N, C-alpha and C. Protein backbone atom coordinates (compact mmCIF):
# COMPACT_ATOMS: atom_id res chain seq x y z
N MET A 1 -10.91 109.93 46.72
CA MET A 1 -11.98 109.35 45.95
C MET A 1 -11.95 107.83 46.12
N ILE A 2 -13.10 107.23 46.33
CA ILE A 2 -13.19 105.78 46.45
C ILE A 2 -13.46 105.20 45.08
N THR A 3 -12.68 104.20 44.73
CA THR A 3 -12.85 103.57 43.42
C THR A 3 -13.92 102.49 43.49
N VAL A 4 -14.37 102.06 42.34
CA VAL A 4 -15.35 100.97 42.27
C VAL A 4 -14.79 99.73 42.94
N VAL A 5 -13.52 99.44 42.70
CA VAL A 5 -12.90 98.26 43.29
C VAL A 5 -12.90 98.36 44.81
N GLN A 6 -12.56 99.53 45.34
CA GLN A 6 -12.58 99.72 46.79
C GLN A 6 -13.99 99.55 47.34
N GLN A 7 -14.98 100.11 46.65
CA GLN A 7 -16.36 99.99 47.12
C GLN A 7 -16.79 98.53 47.18
N LEU A 8 -16.48 97.76 46.15
CA LEU A 8 -16.84 96.34 46.15
C LEU A 8 -16.15 95.60 47.29
N ALA A 9 -14.87 95.90 47.50
CA ALA A 9 -14.12 95.24 48.57
C ALA A 9 -14.72 95.59 49.93
N GLU A 10 -15.07 96.86 50.12
CA GLU A 10 -15.63 97.30 51.40
C GLU A 10 -17.00 96.68 51.67
N LEU A 11 -17.73 96.36 50.62
CA LEU A 11 -19.03 95.70 50.79
C LEU A 11 -18.87 94.24 51.18
N GLY A 12 -17.66 93.72 51.03
CA GLY A 12 -17.40 92.34 51.41
C GLY A 12 -18.08 91.33 50.52
N LEU A 13 -18.24 91.68 49.27
CA LEU A 13 -18.92 90.79 48.33
C LEU A 13 -17.97 89.69 47.88
N ASP A 14 -18.02 88.57 48.57
CA ASP A 14 -17.13 87.46 48.28
C ASP A 14 -17.29 86.92 46.87
N GLU A 15 -18.50 87.02 46.34
CA GLU A 15 -18.73 86.47 45.01
C GLU A 15 -18.21 87.36 43.88
N VAL A 16 -17.80 88.58 44.21
CA VAL A 16 -17.26 89.49 43.21
C VAL A 16 -15.77 89.23 43.03
N ASP A 17 -15.37 88.98 41.81
CA ASP A 17 -13.97 88.75 41.47
C ASP A 17 -13.37 90.10 41.08
N LEU A 18 -12.65 90.74 42.01
CA LEU A 18 -12.11 92.08 41.77
C LEU A 18 -11.17 92.11 40.58
N ALA A 19 -10.36 91.07 40.41
CA ALA A 19 -9.45 91.02 39.26
C ALA A 19 -10.25 90.99 37.96
N GLU A 20 -11.34 90.26 37.95
CA GLU A 20 -12.17 90.19 36.74
C GLU A 20 -12.83 91.54 36.45
N VAL A 21 -13.27 92.24 37.51
CA VAL A 21 -13.87 93.56 37.33
C VAL A 21 -12.87 94.51 36.67
N VAL A 22 -11.64 94.54 37.19
CA VAL A 22 -10.61 95.42 36.63
C VAL A 22 -10.24 95.00 35.22
N PHE A 23 -10.06 93.70 34.99
CA PHE A 23 -9.72 93.18 33.67
C PHE A 23 -10.78 93.62 32.64
N ASN A 24 -12.04 93.45 32.98
CA ASN A 24 -13.12 93.84 32.06
C ASN A 24 -13.18 95.35 31.86
N TYR A 25 -12.90 96.11 32.91
CA TYR A 25 -12.90 97.57 32.82
C TYR A 25 -11.82 98.05 31.84
N CYS A 26 -10.71 97.33 31.80
CA CYS A 26 -9.60 97.71 30.91
C CYS A 26 -9.91 97.44 29.44
N ASN A 27 -11.00 96.75 29.18
CA ASN A 27 -11.56 96.61 27.85
C ASN A 27 -10.55 96.24 26.76
N GLY A 28 -9.85 95.13 26.97
CA GLY A 28 -8.95 94.63 25.93
C GLY A 28 -7.51 95.06 26.04
N ALA A 29 -7.16 95.87 27.03
CA ALA A 29 -5.77 96.30 27.17
C ALA A 29 -4.87 95.12 27.54
N PHE A 30 -5.47 94.11 28.17
CA PHE A 30 -4.74 92.90 28.55
C PHE A 30 -5.40 91.73 27.84
N ALA A 31 -4.61 90.90 27.19
CA ALA A 31 -5.16 89.81 26.37
C ALA A 31 -5.44 88.54 27.17
N ASP A 32 -4.69 88.30 28.21
CA ASP A 32 -4.77 87.02 28.91
C ASP A 32 -5.21 87.22 30.35
N PHE A 33 -6.43 86.80 30.66
CA PHE A 33 -6.97 87.00 32.00
C PHE A 33 -6.18 86.26 33.06
N THR A 34 -5.75 85.04 32.77
CA THR A 34 -5.00 84.25 33.75
C THR A 34 -3.70 84.96 34.12
N SER A 35 -3.01 85.44 33.12
CA SER A 35 -1.75 86.17 33.37
C SER A 35 -2.03 87.46 34.15
N PHE A 36 -3.10 88.15 33.78
CA PHE A 36 -3.48 89.37 34.49
C PHE A 36 -3.76 89.05 35.96
N ARG A 37 -4.56 88.02 36.21
CA ARG A 37 -4.91 87.64 37.58
C ARG A 37 -3.65 87.31 38.38
N ASP A 38 -2.70 86.62 37.77
CA ASP A 38 -1.48 86.24 38.46
C ASP A 38 -0.60 87.43 38.82
N SER A 39 -0.74 88.53 38.08
CA SER A 39 0.17 89.65 38.30
C SER A 39 -0.46 90.84 39.02
N VAL A 40 -1.78 90.90 39.10
CA VAL A 40 -2.42 92.04 39.76
C VAL A 40 -2.50 91.81 41.27
N ARG A 41 -2.32 92.89 42.01
CA ARG A 41 -2.42 92.85 43.48
C ARG A 41 -3.26 94.02 43.95
N PHE A 42 -4.13 93.76 44.88
CA PHE A 42 -4.93 94.83 45.48
C PHE A 42 -4.37 95.10 46.87
N VAL A 43 -4.20 96.36 47.20
CA VAL A 43 -3.62 96.72 48.49
C VAL A 43 -4.69 97.30 49.41
N GLU A 44 -4.48 97.11 50.70
CA GLU A 44 -5.44 97.59 51.70
C GLU A 44 -5.53 99.11 51.72
N ASP A 45 -4.40 99.79 51.56
CA ASP A 45 -4.37 101.24 51.64
C ASP A 45 -3.86 101.82 50.32
N PRO A 46 -4.76 102.08 49.37
CA PRO A 46 -4.33 102.58 48.06
C PRO A 46 -3.55 103.90 48.14
N HIS A 47 -3.77 104.66 49.22
CA HIS A 47 -3.04 105.92 49.38
C HIS A 47 -1.54 105.67 49.51
N ARG A 48 -1.16 104.49 50.00
CA ARG A 48 0.25 104.14 50.17
C ARG A 48 0.67 103.08 49.14
N ARG A 49 0.05 103.11 47.96
CA ARG A 49 0.24 102.04 46.97
C ARG A 49 1.68 101.86 46.53
N VAL A 50 2.44 102.92 46.41
CA VAL A 50 3.84 102.78 45.98
C VAL A 50 4.65 102.05 47.05
N GLY A 51 4.29 102.23 48.30
CA GLY A 51 4.97 101.53 49.38
C GLY A 51 4.76 100.03 49.35
N HIS A 52 3.75 99.57 48.64
CA HIS A 52 3.46 98.14 48.53
C HIS A 52 4.12 97.51 47.30
N MET A 53 4.77 98.31 46.47
CA MET A 53 5.31 97.79 45.22
C MET A 53 6.62 97.02 45.44
N ASP A 54 6.79 95.96 44.68
CA ASP A 54 8.01 95.16 44.69
C ASP A 54 8.87 95.63 43.52
N PHE A 55 9.81 96.51 43.79
CA PHE A 55 10.63 97.07 42.72
C PHE A 55 11.70 96.10 42.24
N GLU A 56 11.88 95.00 42.93
CA GLU A 56 12.84 93.98 42.50
C GLU A 56 12.20 93.03 41.49
N GLY A 57 10.88 92.98 41.46
CA GLY A 57 10.17 92.10 40.54
C GLY A 57 9.86 92.80 39.23
N ASP A 58 8.99 92.19 38.46
CA ASP A 58 8.56 92.74 37.19
C ASP A 58 7.32 93.59 37.46
N TRP A 59 7.40 94.88 37.24
CA TRP A 59 6.30 95.76 37.60
C TRP A 59 6.12 96.88 36.58
N TRP A 60 4.89 97.39 36.52
CA TRP A 60 4.55 98.56 35.73
C TRP A 60 3.55 99.38 36.54
N TYR A 61 3.52 100.68 36.31
CA TYR A 61 2.67 101.55 37.12
C TYR A 61 2.18 102.70 36.25
N ALA A 62 0.87 102.93 36.25
CA ALA A 62 0.28 104.06 35.53
C ALA A 62 -0.62 104.81 36.49
N ASP A 63 -0.37 106.11 36.62
CA ASP A 63 -1.14 106.91 37.58
C ASP A 63 -0.90 108.38 37.27
N ASP A 64 -1.97 109.15 37.13
CA ASP A 64 -1.79 110.57 36.86
C ASP A 64 -1.22 111.30 38.07
N LEU A 65 -1.26 110.68 39.24
CA LEU A 65 -0.69 111.26 40.45
C LEU A 65 0.58 110.52 40.89
N ALA A 66 1.27 109.93 39.94
CA ALA A 66 2.45 109.13 40.25
C ALA A 66 3.47 109.92 41.06
N SER A 67 3.73 111.15 40.70
CA SER A 67 4.72 111.96 41.40
C SER A 67 4.36 112.08 42.88
N TYR A 68 3.10 112.34 43.18
CA TYR A 68 2.65 112.46 44.56
C TYR A 68 2.90 111.17 45.34
N TYR A 69 2.47 110.04 44.76
CA TYR A 69 2.55 108.77 45.49
C TYR A 69 3.99 108.26 45.61
N PHE A 70 4.81 108.50 44.62
CA PHE A 70 6.23 108.11 44.73
C PHE A 70 6.93 108.99 45.77
N ASP A 71 6.65 110.29 45.75
CA ASP A 71 7.26 111.19 46.73
C ASP A 71 6.80 110.86 48.15
N LEU A 72 5.55 110.45 48.31
CA LEU A 72 5.02 110.08 49.61
C LEU A 72 5.85 108.97 50.25
N GLU A 73 6.41 108.09 49.44
CA GLU A 73 7.23 106.97 49.93
C GLU A 73 8.73 107.22 49.75
N ASN A 74 9.09 108.48 49.45
CA ASN A 74 10.49 108.84 49.22
C ASN A 74 11.13 107.99 48.12
N LYS A 75 10.37 107.79 47.03
CA LYS A 75 10.83 106.97 45.91
C LYS A 75 10.88 107.78 44.61
N GLY A 76 11.00 109.10 44.73
CA GLY A 76 11.03 109.96 43.56
C GLY A 76 12.14 109.60 42.59
N ASP A 77 13.25 109.07 43.10
CA ASP A 77 14.36 108.68 42.22
C ASP A 77 13.96 107.52 41.31
N ILE A 78 13.13 106.61 41.82
CA ILE A 78 12.66 105.49 41.00
C ILE A 78 11.71 106.00 39.92
N LEU A 79 10.84 106.91 40.29
CA LEU A 79 9.93 107.50 39.31
C LEU A 79 10.71 108.17 38.19
N GLU A 80 11.69 108.97 38.56
CA GLU A 80 12.48 109.69 37.56
C GLU A 80 13.20 108.72 36.63
N ARG A 81 13.78 107.67 37.19
CA ARG A 81 14.54 106.69 36.41
C ARG A 81 13.63 105.87 35.48
N GLU A 82 12.42 105.54 35.93
CA GLU A 82 11.55 104.62 35.20
C GLU A 82 10.43 105.28 34.41
N LEU A 83 10.36 106.61 34.44
CA LEU A 83 9.32 107.33 33.72
C LEU A 83 9.39 107.03 32.22
N GLY A 84 8.27 106.58 31.68
CA GLY A 84 8.21 106.22 30.27
C GLY A 84 8.59 104.77 30.00
N ARG A 85 9.23 104.15 30.96
CA ARG A 85 9.60 102.73 30.82
C ARG A 85 8.63 101.88 31.64
N ARG A 86 8.80 101.90 32.93
CA ARG A 86 7.93 101.13 33.82
C ARG A 86 6.82 102.00 34.43
N VAL A 87 6.94 103.30 34.28
CA VAL A 87 5.93 104.22 34.83
C VAL A 87 5.39 105.09 33.71
N TYR A 88 4.08 105.20 33.69
CA TYR A 88 3.42 106.10 32.74
C TYR A 88 2.53 107.05 33.53
N VAL A 89 2.63 108.33 33.22
CA VAL A 89 1.79 109.34 33.87
C VAL A 89 0.81 109.86 32.82
N PRO A 90 -0.43 109.35 32.84
CA PRO A 90 -1.41 109.78 31.85
C PRO A 90 -1.96 111.16 32.16
N GLU A 91 -2.56 111.75 31.15
CA GLU A 91 -3.26 113.02 31.35
C GLU A 91 -4.48 112.74 32.22
N ALA A 92 -4.68 113.54 33.24
CA ALA A 92 -5.79 113.32 34.17
C ALA A 92 -7.14 113.33 33.46
N ARG A 93 -7.26 114.13 32.44
CA ARG A 93 -8.53 114.22 31.71
C ARG A 93 -8.36 113.72 30.27
N GLY A 94 -7.39 112.83 30.08
CA GLY A 94 -7.13 112.29 28.75
C GLY A 94 -8.18 111.27 28.34
N ASP A 95 -8.07 110.84 27.10
CA ASP A 95 -9.04 109.88 26.57
C ASP A 95 -8.54 108.44 26.60
N GLY A 96 -7.36 108.22 27.16
CA GLY A 96 -6.83 106.87 27.29
C GLY A 96 -5.94 106.42 26.16
N ARG A 97 -5.86 107.21 25.09
CA ARG A 97 -5.02 106.80 23.96
C ARG A 97 -3.55 106.73 24.32
N GLY A 98 -3.09 107.64 25.17
CA GLY A 98 -1.69 107.62 25.59
C GLY A 98 -1.36 106.36 26.37
N LEU A 99 -2.23 106.00 27.28
CA LEU A 99 -2.03 104.79 28.07
C LEU A 99 -2.09 103.56 27.19
N ALA A 100 -3.04 103.52 26.28
CA ALA A 100 -3.16 102.38 25.36
C ALA A 100 -1.89 102.25 24.51
N GLY A 101 -1.36 103.36 24.05
CA GLY A 101 -0.12 103.34 23.28
C GLY A 101 1.06 102.84 24.09
N TRP A 102 1.13 103.27 25.34
CA TRP A 102 2.21 102.81 26.23
C TRP A 102 2.12 101.31 26.44
N LEU A 103 0.90 100.81 26.69
CA LEU A 103 0.71 99.37 26.89
C LEU A 103 1.08 98.59 25.64
N LYS A 104 0.73 99.10 24.46
CA LYS A 104 1.10 98.42 23.22
C LYS A 104 2.61 98.40 23.05
N GLN A 105 3.26 99.50 23.39
CA GLN A 105 4.72 99.58 23.31
C GLN A 105 5.35 98.54 24.23
N LEU A 106 4.84 98.41 25.44
CA LEU A 106 5.35 97.43 26.38
C LEU A 106 5.17 96.01 25.86
N ALA A 107 4.00 95.76 25.28
CA ALA A 107 3.69 94.42 24.78
C ALA A 107 4.57 94.03 23.60
N SER A 108 4.95 95.01 22.79
CA SER A 108 5.78 94.70 21.61
C SER A 108 7.25 94.59 21.95
N GLY A 109 7.60 94.96 23.16
CA GLY A 109 8.98 94.79 23.63
C GLY A 109 9.85 95.85 23.14
């Protein structure tokens, strides 16, 4: 499935700020746009997204297909170790409350 962000990038719309699109889509989950912009990264091949992650840095990951993408990069051990801490696996058809709760938990330390 192609995401809205991928579609905008493929159109080559230079005037579209992809970080701003994602920030606004998250509808208040992140309080500081500058901090969000500094920490978000867009990858050329989202199918290999786990392979682009810097596990030595400060990172968080939410994806209902996390197991698939971590296994694709032979990183299942990292998923298992960080599940619920740095990794959240939301319900594919959930309403977002679980993810919002996880983000609040992270923000409160």
